[in-house]
Amino acid sequence: MRFTPLNDADQRIDIAVFELPDAVGIARAHYPSIIGTRPRDLLGDGRDNYTLAIVSEDHEVSVAGCRAFTVKAGDLMIINEGTWFEVRHARATVELVSLGCLQIAARVPRLDLAPFYHIPRNAPGASLFIGYANLLRQAPPEGDKARQMAASHIHDLIAVVLDGFVQGGAERNERGIRAARLELIKQDILDRVSDHALSVSSIASSQGVTPRYIQHLFESDGTTFTEFVRDSRLTLAFQRLDAGTKVRPISEIAFESGFADLSNFNRAFRRRYGVTPSDVRAEAMRKRIR
């Protein structure tokens, strides 16, 4: 693209990006007031992937020489990079996802009937796609298998979003959709694992799904909601016992890690780690003394 600043005193652009297989790229950029153009003289570079952009401010977009229109902050814009387009916006944060042409076309065969798609942020499936992309930004997957799975999930989820906007609909990969949803649910649990009010109902409410759906996702993953919460709390407690810089009552650490009953905590801890919480704290103290 070619960029033209609208304010000579403000020309700083910050971009963070990481790549996944199948031409998937996930980025966040901070732009000044700017005009970004994919002009005709650059179209000869052969790029024909799709770019999905979510801009934090209302902005104007013109595609293939058509009259400019306003895109509301938070809406999704999907544009083929083989198309002339121009974007004009004030200082803004832009969430970007590059989608492989072949991979998305396999899921949405009629996607090329239009050069772009403007999708409201409240469209079905949009929040799930945005949440999963943000999760990947926070914790990029490691290892070839995890990276390949993440790329597949991205394409599966955007196919769901496009289902109501592309003539003929899209092919759904329910397995990829469930896997992406489960990752978001797990992250939601980890963010609230110390909360004693944490329950499958509270997670279901925040995720916009039913408790039974969450339980089914965990069962398909070979575990249960209760087991995942318990193991996550045990991991947190172990980390606090192992890294503590002062001696604190084990009951206090257990409570802060989400356990309400000390005896249940002690039994679960020993069953998982083969040692008692006191053993872990004592070993941590010995390491600091050495």
C-alpha atoms as a PDB file:
ATOM      1  CA  MET A   1       0.000   0.000   0.000  1.00  0.00           C
ATOM      2  CA  ARG A   2       0.977   3.619  -0.308  1.00  0.00           C
ATOM      3  CA  PHE A   3       0.413   5.972   2.631  1.00  0.00           C
ATOM      4  CA  THR A   4      -0.005   9.737   2.669  1.00  0.00           C
ATOM      5  CA  PRO A   5      -0.074  11.494   6.069  1.00  0.00           C
ATOM      6  CA  LEU A   6      -2.779  14.121   6.522  1.00  0.00           C
ATOM      7  CA  ASN A   7      -0.728  15.939   9.150  1.00  0.00           C
ATOM      8  CA  ASP A   8       2.950  16.696   8.461  1.00  0.00           C
ATOM      9  CA  ALA A   9       3.668  16.902  12.200  1.00  0.00           C
ATOM     10  CA  ASP A  10       2.374  13.403  12.905  1.00  0.00           C
ATOM     11  CA  GLN A  11       3.840  10.640  10.763  1.00  0.00           C
ATOM     12  CA  ARG A  12       4.642   7.840  13.212  1.00  0.00           C
ATOM     13  CA  ILE A  13       3.278   4.391  12.369  1.00  0.00           C
ATOM     14  CA  ASP A  14       3.645   1.456  14.777  1.00  0.00           C
ATOM     15  CA  ILE A  15       2.895  -2.073  13.550  1.00  0.00           C
ATOM     16  CA  ALA A  16       3.171  -5.411  15.342  1.00  0.00           C
ATOM     17  CA  VAL A  17       2.591  -8.496  13.200  1.00  0.00           C
ATOM     18  CA  PHE A  18       3.111 -12.248  13.277  1.00  0.00           C
ATOM     19  CA  GLU A  19       2.530 -14.790  10.537  1.00  0.00           C
ATOM     20  CA  LEU A  20       0.858 -18.193  10.513  1.00  0.00           C
ATOM     21  CA  PRO A  21       0.729 -20.862   7.781  1.00  0.00           C
ATOM     22  CA  ASP A  22      -1.618 -20.583   4.786  1.00  0.00           C
ATOM     23  CA  ALA A  23      -0.876 -16.877   4.268  1.00  0.00           C
ATOM     24  CA  VAL A  24      -2.506 -15.828   7.556  1.00  0.00           C
ATOM     25  CA  GLY A  25      -1.065 -12.713   9.126  1.00  0.00           C
ATOM     26  CA  ILE A  26      -2.340 -11.065  12.295  1.00  0.00           C
ATOM     27  CA  ALA A  27      -1.380  -7.504  13.111  1.00  0.00           C
ATOM     28  CA  ARG A  28      -2.238  -4.437  15.142  1.00  0.00           C
ATOM     29  CA  ALA A  29      -1.200  -1.011  13.865  1.00  0.00           C
ATOM     30  CA  HIS A  30      -1.368   2.517  15.251  1.00  0.00           C
ATOM     31  CA  TYR A  31      -1.679   5.094  12.476  1.00  0.00           C
ATOM     32  CA  PRO A  32      -1.730   8.895  12.443  1.00  0.00           C
ATOM     33  CA  SER A  33      -4.340  10.706  10.333  1.00  0.00           C
ATOM     34  CA  ILE A  34      -3.639   9.119   6.977  1.00  0.00           C
ATOM     35  CA  ILE A  35      -4.758   8.052   3.513  1.00  0.00           C
ATOM     36  CA  GLY A  36      -3.863   4.460   2.719  1.00  0.00           C
ATOM     37  CA  THR A  37      -4.115   3.418  -0.913  1.00  0.00           C
ATOM     38  CA  ARG A  38      -3.711   0.203  -2.833  1.00  0.00           C
ATOM     39  CA  PRO A  39      -3.226   1.996  -6.192  1.00  0.00           C
ATOM     40  CA  ARG A  40      -3.403   0.516  -9.664  1.00  0.00           C
ATOM     41  CA  ASP A  41       0.358   0.783 -10.231  1.00  0.00           C
ATOM     42  CA  LEU A  42       0.967  -1.580  -7.267  1.00  0.00           C
ATOM     43  CA  LEU A  43      -1.579  -4.211  -8.297  1.00  0.00           C
ATOM     44  CA  GLY A  44       0.991  -5.834 -10.576  1.00  0.00           C
ATOM     45  CA  ASP A  45       2.766  -7.355  -7.542  1.00  0.00           C
ATOM     46  CA  GLY A  46       0.409 -10.319  -7.809  1.00  0.00           C
ATOM     47  CA  ARG A  47      -1.022 -10.142  -4.299  1.00  0.00           C
ATOM     48  CA  ASP A  48      -4.562 -11.515  -4.251  1.00  0.00           C
ATOM     49  CA  ASN A  49      -5.078 -12.454  -0.614  1.00  0.00           C
ATOM     50  CA  TYR A  50      -7.834 -10.843   1.418  1.00  0.00           C
ATOM     51  CA  THR A  51      -7.215  -8.228   4.088  1.00  0.00           C
ATOM     52  CA  LEU A  52      -9.638  -7.859   6.969  1.00  0.00           C
ATOM     53  CA  ALA A  53      -9.440  -4.570   8.848  1.00  0.00           C
ATOM     54  CA  ILE A  54     -11.192  -3.299  11.966  1.00  0.00           C
ATOM     55  CA  VAL A  55     -10.560   0.403  12.596  1.00  0.00           C
ATOM     56  CA  SER A  56     -11.121   2.015  15.993  1.00  0.00           C
ATOM     57  CA  GLU A  57     -12.630   5.167  14.462  1.00  0.00           C
ATOM     58  CA  ASP A  58     -15.250   5.900  11.809  1.00  0.00           C
ATOM     59  CA  HIS A  59     -13.487   6.141   8.441  1.00  0.00           C
ATOM     60  CA  GLU A  60     -14.069   6.439   4.708  1.00  0.00           C
ATOM     61  CA  VAL A  61     -13.415   3.697   2.175  1.00  0.00           C
ATOM     62  CA  SER A  62     -13.524   3.750  -1.615  1.00  0.00           C
ATOM     63  CA  VAL A  63     -13.172   0.518  -3.610  1.00  0.00           C
ATOM     64  CA  ALA A  64     -12.550   0.120  -7.362  1.00  0.00           C
ATOM     65  CA  GLY A  65     -13.138   3.812  -7.963  1.00  0.00           C
ATOM     66  CA  CYS A  66     -16.634   3.783  -6.484  1.00  0.00           C
ATOM     67  CA  ARG A  67     -17.969   6.605  -4.358  1.00  0.00           C
ATOM     68  CA  ALA A  68     -16.510   6.649  -0.839  1.00  0.00           C
ATOM     69  CA  PHE A  69     -18.693   5.388   2.006  1.00  0.00           C
ATOM     70  CA  THR A  70     -18.394   5.526   5.774  1.00  0.00           C
ATOM     71  CA  VAL A  71     -17.454   2.471   7.796  1.00  0.00           C
ATOM     72  CA  LYS A  72     -18.368   2.668  11.475  1.00  0.00           C
ATOM     73  CA  ALA A  73     -15.736   2.063  14.149  1.00  0.00           C
ATOM     74  CA  GLY A  74     -15.479  -1.639  14.962  1.00  0.00           C
ATOM     75  CA  ASP A  75     -17.077  -2.864  11.717  1.00  0.00           C
ATOM     76  CA  LEU A  76     -15.230  -5.451   9.614  1.00  0.00           C
ATOM     77  CA  MET A  77     -13.997  -4.650   6.106  1.00  0.00           C
ATOM     78  CA  ILE A  78     -12.730  -7.509   3.928  1.00  0.00           C
ATOM     79  CA  ILE A  79     -11.032  -6.435   0.686  1.00  0.00           C
ATOM     80  CA  ASN A  80      -9.191  -8.406  -1.987  1.00  0.00           C
ATOM     81  CA  GLU A  81      -5.632  -7.088  -2.348  1.00  0.00           C
ATOM     82  CA  GLY A  82      -5.946  -7.420  -6.118  1.00  0.00           C
ATOM     83  CA  THR A  83      -8.447  -4.546  -6.070  1.00  0.00           C
ATOM     84  CA  TRP A  84      -7.818  -0.801  -6.114  1.00  0.00           C
ATOM     85  CA  PHE A  85      -8.999   0.773  -2.869  1.00  0.00           C
ATOM     86  CA  GLU A  86      -8.423   3.773  -0.626  1.00  0.00           C
ATOM     87  CA  VAL A  87      -8.925   4.237   3.120  1.00  0.00           C
ATOM     88  CA  ARG A  88      -8.987   7.621   4.857  1.00  0.00           C
ATOM     89  CA  HIS A  89      -9.086   7.962   8.633  1.00  0.00           C
ATOM     90  CA  ALA A  90      -8.002  10.095  11.576  1.00  0.00           C
ATOM     91  CA  ARG A  91      -5.545   8.796  14.185  1.00  0.00           C
ATOM     92  CA  ALA A  92      -6.648   5.234  14.850  1.00  0.00           C
ATOM     93  CA  THR A  93      -5.766   1.719  15.923  1.00  0.00           C
ATOM     94  CA  VAL A  94      -6.321  -0.879  13.216  1.00  0.00           C
ATOM     95  CA  GLU A  95      -6.687  -4.625  13.789  1.00  0.00           C
ATOM     96  CA  LEU A  96      -5.576  -6.479  10.648  1.00  0.00           C
ATOM     97  CA  VAL A  97      -5.885 -10.086   9.535  1.00  0.00           C
ATOM     98  CA  SER A  98      -4.537 -11.359   6.228  1.00  0.00           C
ATOM     99  CA  LEU A  99      -6.478 -14.316   4.802  1.00  0.00           C
ATOM    100  CA  GLY A 100      -5.133 -16.798   2.260  1.00  0.00           C
ATOM    101  CA  CYS A 101      -7.003 -16.549  -1.032  1.00  0.00           C
ATOM    102  CA  LEU A 102      -7.048 -20.293  -1.721  1.00  0.00           C
ATOM    103  CA  GLN A 103      -7.934 -21.238   1.849  1.00  0.00           C
ATOM    104  CA  ILE A 104     -10.836 -18.818   2.212  1.00  0.00           C
ATOM    105  CA  ALA A 105     -12.104 -19.548  -1.310  1.00  0.00           C
ATOM    106  CA  ALA A 106     -12.323 -23.247  -0.424  1.00  0.00           C
ATOM    107  CA  ARG A 107     -14.674 -22.337   2.424  1.00  0.00           C
ATOM    108  CA  VAL A 108     -16.514 -19.498   0.657  1.00  0.00           C
ATOM    109  CA  PRO A 109     -16.557 -20.480  -3.053  1.00  0.00           C
ATOM    110  CA  ARG A 110     -18.467 -17.393  -4.230  1.00  0.00           C
ATOM    111  CA  LEU A 111     -16.400 -14.875  -2.297  1.00  0.00           C
ATOM    112  CA  ASP A 112     -14.951 -13.362  -5.484  1.00  0.00           C
ATOM    113  CA  LEU A 113     -18.391 -12.227  -6.675  1.00  0.00           C
ATOM    114  CA  ALA A 114     -17.644  -8.954  -4.864  1.00  0.00           C
ATOM    115  CA  PRO A 115     -14.300  -7.168  -4.375  1.00  0.00           C
ATOM    116  CA  PHE A 116     -15.091  -6.291  -0.756  1.00  0.00           C
ATOM    117  CA  TYR A 117     -17.484  -6.980   2.105  1.00  0.00           C
ATOM    118  CA  HIS A 118     -18.559  -4.490   4.768  1.00  0.00           C
ATOM    119  CA  ILE A 119     -19.741  -6.450   7.811  1.00  0.00           C
ATOM    120  CA  PRO A 120     -21.281  -4.801  10.905  1.00  0.00           C
ATOM    121  CA  ARG A 121     -19.521  -5.649  14.151  1.00  0.00           C
ATOM    122  CA  ASN A 122     -22.713  -7.216  15.556  1.00  0.00           C
ATOM    123  CA  ALA A 123     -23.059  -9.669  12.643  1.00  0.00           C
ATOM    124  CA  PRO A 124     -23.423 -13.342  13.624  1.00  0.00           C
ATOM    125  CA  GLY A 125     -20.024 -14.870  14.322  1.00  0.00           C
ATOM    126  CA  ALA A 126     -18.142 -11.544  14.299  1.00  0.00           C
ATOM    127  CA  SER A 127     -17.538 -11.431  18.054  1.00  0.00           C
ATOM    128  CA  LEU A 128     -16.192 -14.997  18.044  1.00  0.00           C
ATOM    129  CA  PHE A 129     -13.793 -14.215  15.185  1.00  0.00           C
ATOM    130  CA  ILE A 130     -12.599 -10.979  16.813  1.00  0.00           C
ATOM    131  CA  GLY A 131     -12.157 -12.650  20.192  1.00  0.00           C
ATOM    132  CA  TYR A 132     -10.114 -15.502  18.739  1.00  0.00           C
ATOM    133  CA  ALA A 133      -7.894 -13.160  16.700  1.00  0.00           C
ATOM    134  CA  ASN A 134      -7.248 -11.078  19.826  1.00  0.00           C
ATOM    135  CA  LEU A 135      -6.399 -14.239  21.767  1.00  0.00           C
ATOM    136  CA  LEU A 136      -3.786 -15.121  19.154  1.00  0.00           C
ATOM    137  CA  ARG A 137      -2.347 -11.610  19.366  1.00  0.00           C
ATOM    138  CA  GLN A 138      -1.957 -11.962  23.129  1.00  0.00           C
ATOM    139  CA  ALA A 139      -0.479 -15.463  22.973  1.00  0.00           C
ATOM    140  CA  PRO A 140       0.781 -16.462  19.497  1.00  0.00           C
ATOM    141  CA  PRO A 141       0.768 -20.261  19.129  1.00  0.00           C
ATOM    142  CA  GLU A 142       4.097 -22.084  19.295  1.00  0.00           C
ATOM    143  CA  GLY A 143       5.026 -25.151  17.284  1.00  0.00           C
ATOM    144  CA  ASP A 144       4.101 -26.086  13.729  1.00  0.00           C
ATOM    145  CA  LYS A 145       0.979 -28.052  14.660  1.00  0.00           C
ATOM    146  CA  ALA A 146      -0.470 -25.315  16.870  1.00  0.00           C
ATOM    147  CA  ARG A 147       0.271 -22.662  14.247  1.00  0.00           C
ATOM    148  CA  GLN A 148      -1.403 -24.697  11.509  1.00  0.00           C
ATOM    149  CA  MET A 149      -4.469 -25.278  13.672  1.00  0.00           C
ATOM    150  CA  ALA A 150      -4.722 -21.568  14.489  1.00  0.00           C
ATOM    151  CA  ALA A 151      -4.571 -20.656  10.794  1.00  0.00           C
ATOM    152  CA  SER A 152      -7.329 -23.153  10.011  1.00  0.00           C
ATOM    153  CA  HIS A 153      -9.475 -21.790  12.837  1.00  0.00           C
ATOM    154  CA  ILE A 154      -9.087 -18.241  11.509  1.00  0.00           C
ATOM    155  CA  HIS A 155     -10.328 -19.298   8.068  1.00  0.00           C
ATOM    156  CA  ASP A 156     -13.155 -21.371   9.562  1.00  0.00           C
ATOM    157  CA  LEU A 157     -14.355 -18.500  11.732  1.00  0.00           C
ATOM    158  CA  ILE A 158     -14.314 -15.860   9.008  1.00  0.00           C
ATOM    159  CA  ALA A 159     -16.296 -18.266   6.814  1.00  0.00           C
ATOM    160  CA  VAL A 160     -18.975 -18.261   9.508  1.00  0.00           C
ATOM    161  CA  VAL A 161     -19.001 -14.439   9.505  1.00  0.00           C
ATOM    162  CA  LEU A 162     -19.290 -14.320   5.705  1.00  0.00           C
ATOM    163  CA  ASP A 163     -22.075 -16.903   5.643  1.00  0.00           C
ATOM    164  CA  GLY A 164     -24.819 -14.273   5.607  1.00  0.00           C
ATOM    165  CA  PHE A 165     -23.078 -11.857   3.238  1.00  0.00           C
ATOM    166  CA  VAL A 166     -21.872 -13.996   0.329  1.00  0.00           C
ATOM    167  CA  GLN A 167     -24.317 -15.320  -2.234  1.00  0.00           C
ATOM    168  CA  GLY A 168     -24.655 -19.065  -1.749  1.00  0.00           C
ATOM    169  CA  GLY A 169     -23.276 -18.930   1.801  1.00  0.00           C
ATOM    170  CA  ALA A 170     -20.130 -20.558   3.110  1.00  0.00           C
ATOM    171  CA  GLU A 171     -18.928 -24.016   4.021  1.00  0.00           C
ATOM    172  CA  ARG A 172     -18.698 -24.414   7.776  1.00  0.00           C
ATOM    173  CA  ASN A 173     -16.084 -26.416   9.619  1.00  0.00           C
ATOM    174  CA  GLU A 174     -17.850 -26.997  12.907  1.00  0.00           C
ATOM    175  CA  ARG A 175     -14.833 -28.743  14.401  1.00  0.00           C
ATOM    176  CA  GLY A 176     -12.645 -25.669  13.896  1.00  0.00           C
ATOM    177  CA  ILE A 177     -15.369 -23.389  15.241  1.00  0.00           C
ATOM    178  CA  ARG A 178     -15.755 -25.478  18.413  1.00  0.00           C
ATOM    179  CA  ALA A 179     -11.983 -25.566  18.932  1.00  0.00           C
ATOM    180  CA  ALA A 180     -11.711 -21.791  18.643  1.00  0.00           C
ATOM    181  CA  ARG A 181     -14.649 -21.288  21.003  1.00  0.00           C
ATOM    182  CA  LEU A 182     -13.087 -23.649  23.557  1.00  0.00           C
ATOM    183  CA  GLU A 183      -9.825 -21.666  23.512  1.00  0.00           C
ATOM    184  CA  LEU A 184     -11.745 -18.462  24.237  1.00  0.00           C
ATOM    185  CA  ILE A 185     -13.650 -20.137  27.058  1.00  0.00           C
ATOM    186  CA  LYS A 186     -10.420 -21.440  28.579  1.00  0.00           C
ATOM    187  CA  GLN A 187      -8.895 -17.962  28.452  1.00  0.00           C
ATOM    188  CA  ASP A 188     -12.015 -16.510  30.080  1.00  0.00           C
ATOM    189  CA  ILE A 189     -11.659 -19.061  32.892  1.00  0.00           C
ATOM    190  CA  LEU A 190      -7.959 -18.287  33.370  1.00  0.00           C
ATOM    191  CA  ASP A 191      -8.720 -14.560  33.562  1.00  0.00           C
ATOM    192  CA  ARG A 192     -11.223 -15.223  36.387  1.00  0.00           C
ATOM    193  CA  VAL A 193      -9.784 -18.347  37.993  1.00  0.00           C
ATOM    194  CA  SER A 194      -9.326 -16.720  41.431  1.00  0.00           C
ATOM    195  CA  ASP A 195     -12.987 -15.685  41.540  1.00  0.00           C
ATOM    196  CA  HIS A 196     -14.886 -17.918  43.980  1.00  0.00           C
ATOM    197  CA  ALA A 197     -18.108 -17.136  42.083  1.00  0.00           C
ATOM    198  CA  LEU A 198     -16.695 -18.643  38.893  1.00  0.00           C
ATOM    199  CA  SER A 199     -19.130 -21.199  37.469  1.00  0.00           C
ATOM    200  CA  VAL A 200     -20.087 -22.758  34.186  1.00  0.00           C
ATOM    201  CA  SER A 201     -23.183 -20.538  34.185  1.00  0.00           C
ATOM    202  CA  SER A 202     -21.179 -17.324  34.622  1.00  0.00           C
ATOM    203  CA  ILE A 203     -18.773 -18.308  31.833  1.00  0.00           C
ATOM    204  CA  ALA A 204     -21.690 -19.280  29.581  1.00  0.00           C
ATOM    205  CA  SER A 205     -23.291 -15.903  30.187  1.00  0.00           C
ATOM    206  CA  SER A 206     -20.120 -13.974  29.296  1.00  0.00           C
ATOM    207  CA  GLN A 207     -19.558 -16.114  26.172  1.00  0.00           C
ATOM    208  CA  GLY A 208     -23.143 -15.983  24.976  1.00  0.00           C
ATOM    209  CA  VAL A 209     -23.605 -19.774  24.935  1.00  0.00           C
ATOM    210  CA  THR A 210     -25.376 -22.338  27.120  1.00  0.00           C
ATOM    211  CA  PRO A 211     -23.760 -24.152  30.064  1.00  0.00           C
ATOM    212  CA  ARG A 212     -24.452 -27.469  28.360  1.00  0.00           C
ATOM    213  CA  TYR A 213     -22.593 -26.315  25.236  1.00  0.00           C
ATOM    214  CA  ILE A 214     -19.529 -25.493  27.347  1.00  0.00           C
ATOM    215  CA  GLN A 215     -19.711 -28.848  29.097  1.00  0.00           C
ATOM    216  CA  HIS A 216     -19.935 -30.581  25.719  1.00  0.00           C
ATOM    217  CA  LEU A 217     -16.860 -28.706  24.450  1.00  0.00           C
ATOM    218  CA  PHE A 218     -14.797 -29.849  27.418  1.00  0.00           C
ATOM    219  CA  GLU A 219     -16.069 -33.407  27.122  1.00  0.00           C
ATOM    220  CA  SER A 220     -14.980 -33.435  23.467  1.00  0.00           C
ATOM    221  CA  ASP A 221     -11.554 -32.284  24.662  1.00  0.00           C
ATOM    222  CA  GLY A 222     -11.297 -35.238  27.050  1.00  0.00           C
ATOM    223  CA  THR A 223     -11.936 -33.353  30.283  1.00  0.00           C
ATOM    224  CA  THR A 224     -14.665 -31.436  32.117  1.00  0.00           C
ATOM    225  CA  PHE A 225     -15.279 -27.820  33.038  1.00  0.00           C
ATOM    226  CA  THR A 226     -14.786 -28.636  36.717  1.00  0.00           C
ATOM    227  CA  GLU A 227     -11.497 -30.440  36.096  1.00  0.00           C
ATOM    228  CA  PHE A 228     -10.117 -27.586  34.003  1.00  0.00           C
ATOM    229  CA  VAL A 229     -11.012 -25.004  36.662  1.00  0.00           C
ATOM    230  CA  ARG A 230      -9.514 -27.160  39.436  1.00  0.00           C
ATOM    231  CA  ASP A 231      -6.292 -27.820  37.522  1.00  0.00           C
ATOM    232  CA  SER A 232      -5.950 -24.141  36.596  1.00  0.00           C
ATOM    233  CA  ARG A 233      -6.328 -23.163  40.246  1.00  0.00           C
ATOM    234  CA  LEU A 234      -3.788 -25.789  41.316  1.00  0.00           C
ATOM    235  CA  THR A 235      -1.317 -24.449  38.745  1.00  0.00           C
ATOM    236  CA  LEU A 236      -1.803 -20.925  40.086  1.00  0.00           C
ATOM    237  CA  ALA A 237      -1.355 -22.072  43.676  1.00  0.00           C
ATOM    238  CA  PHE A 238       1.820 -24.014  42.812  1.00  0.00           C
ATOM    239  CA  GLN A 239       3.277 -20.942  41.089  1.00  0.00           C
ATOM    240  CA  ARG A 240       2.550 -18.778  44.111  1.00  0.00           C
ATOM    241  CA  LEU A 241       4.023 -21.300  46.527  1.00  0.00           C
ATOM    242  CA  ASP A 242       7.116 -21.762  44.368  1.00  0.00           C
ATOM    243  CA  ALA A 243       7.728 -18.073  43.691  1.00  0.00           C
ATOM    244  CA  GLY A 244       6.710 -16.475  46.978  1.00  0.00           C
ATOM    245  CA  THR A 245       9.266 -14.112  48.488  1.00  0.00           C
ATOM    246  CA  LYS A 246       7.808 -14.374  51.992  1.00  0.00           C
ATOM    247  CA  VAL A 247       6.171 -17.061  54.078  1.00  0.00           C
ATOM    248  CA  ARG A 248       2.389 -16.778  53.827  1.00  0.00           C
ATOM    249  CA  PRO A 249      -0.234 -19.112  55.276  1.00  0.00           C
ATOM    250  CA  ILE A 250      -1.054 -21.890  52.843  1.00  0.00           C
ATOM    251  CA  SER A 251      -4.736 -21.290  53.534  1.00  0.00           C
ATOM    252  CA  GLU A 252      -4.332 -17.733  52.270  1.00  0.00           C
ATOM    253  CA  ILE A 253      -2.642 -18.864  49.063  1.00  0.00           C
ATOM    254  CA  ALA A 254      -5.304 -21.521  48.503  1.00  0.00           C
ATOM    255  CA  PHE A 255      -8.105 -18.992  48.995  1.00  0.00           C
ATOM    256  CA  GLU A 256      -6.487 -16.470  46.636  1.00  0.00           C
ATOM    257  CA  SER A 257      -6.148 -19.225  44.027  1.00  0.00           C
ATOM    258  CA  GLY A 258      -9.881 -19.912  44.085  1.00  0.00           C
ATOM    259  CA  PHE A 259     -10.185 -22.696  46.670  1.00  0.00           C
ATOM    260  CA  ALA A 260     -12.733 -22.273  49.439  1.00  0.00           C
ATOM    261  CA  ASP A 261     -11.912 -25.470  51.366  1.00  0.00           C
ATOM    262  CA  LEU A 262      -8.350 -26.054  52.588  1.00  0.00           C
ATOM    263  CA  SER A 263      -8.690 -29.814  53.035  1.00  0.00           C
ATOM    264  CA  ASN A 264      -9.993 -30.243  49.483  1.00  0.00           C
ATOM    265  CA  PHE A 265      -7.133 -28.083  48.245  1.00  0.00           C
ATOM    266  CA  ASN A 266      -4.521 -30.167  50.081  1.00  0.00           C
ATOM    267  CA  ARG A 267      -5.919 -33.456  48.748  1.00  0.00           C
ATOM    268  CA  ALA A 268      -6.155 -32.202  45.160  1.00  0.00           C
ATOM    269  CA  PHE A 269      -2.669 -30.673  45.336  1.00  0.00           C
ATOM    270  CA  ARG A 270      -1.023 -33.862  46.589  1.00  0.00           C
ATOM    271  CA  ARG A 271      -2.923 -36.005  44.094  1.00  0.00           C
ATOM    272  CA  ARG A 272      -1.678 -33.885  41.197  1.00  0.00           C
ATOM    273  CA  TYR A 273       1.887 -33.072  42.244  1.00  0.00           C
ATOM    274  CA  GLY A 274       2.758 -35.986  44.564  1.00  0.00           C
ATOM    275  CA  VAL A 275       3.883 -33.580  47.276  1.00  0.00           C
ATOM    276  CA  THR A 276       2.166 -31.314  49.779  1.00  0.00           C
ATOM    277  CA  PRO A 277       1.879 -27.525  49.463  1.00  0.00           C
ATOM    278  CA  SER A 278       4.234 -27.284  52.459  1.00  0.00           C
ATOM    279  CA  ASP A 279       6.837 -29.345  50.589  1.00  0.00           C
ATOM    280  CA  VAL A 280       6.718 -26.983  47.607  1.00  0.00           C
ATOM    281  CA  ARG A 281       7.030 -23.892  49.797  1.00  0.00           C
ATOM    282  CA  ALA A 282       9.921 -25.422  51.763  1.00  0.00           C
ATOM    283  CA  GLU A 283      11.794 -26.322  48.573  1.00  0.00           C
ATOM    284  CA  ALA A 284      11.274 -22.795  47.250  1.00  0.00           C
ATOM    285  CA  MET A 285      12.743 -21.365  50.472  1.00  0.00           C
ATOM    286  CA  ARG A 286      15.772 -23.672  50.209  1.00  0.00           C
ATOM    287  CA  LYS A 287      16.413 -22.502  46.640  1.00  0.00           C
ATOM    288  CA  ARG A 288      16.365 -18.858  47.709  1.00  0.00           C
ATOM    289  CA  ILE A 289      18.755 -19.520  50.589  1.00  0.00           C
ATOM    290  CA  ARG A 290      21.229 -21.245  48.269  1.00  0.00           C
END
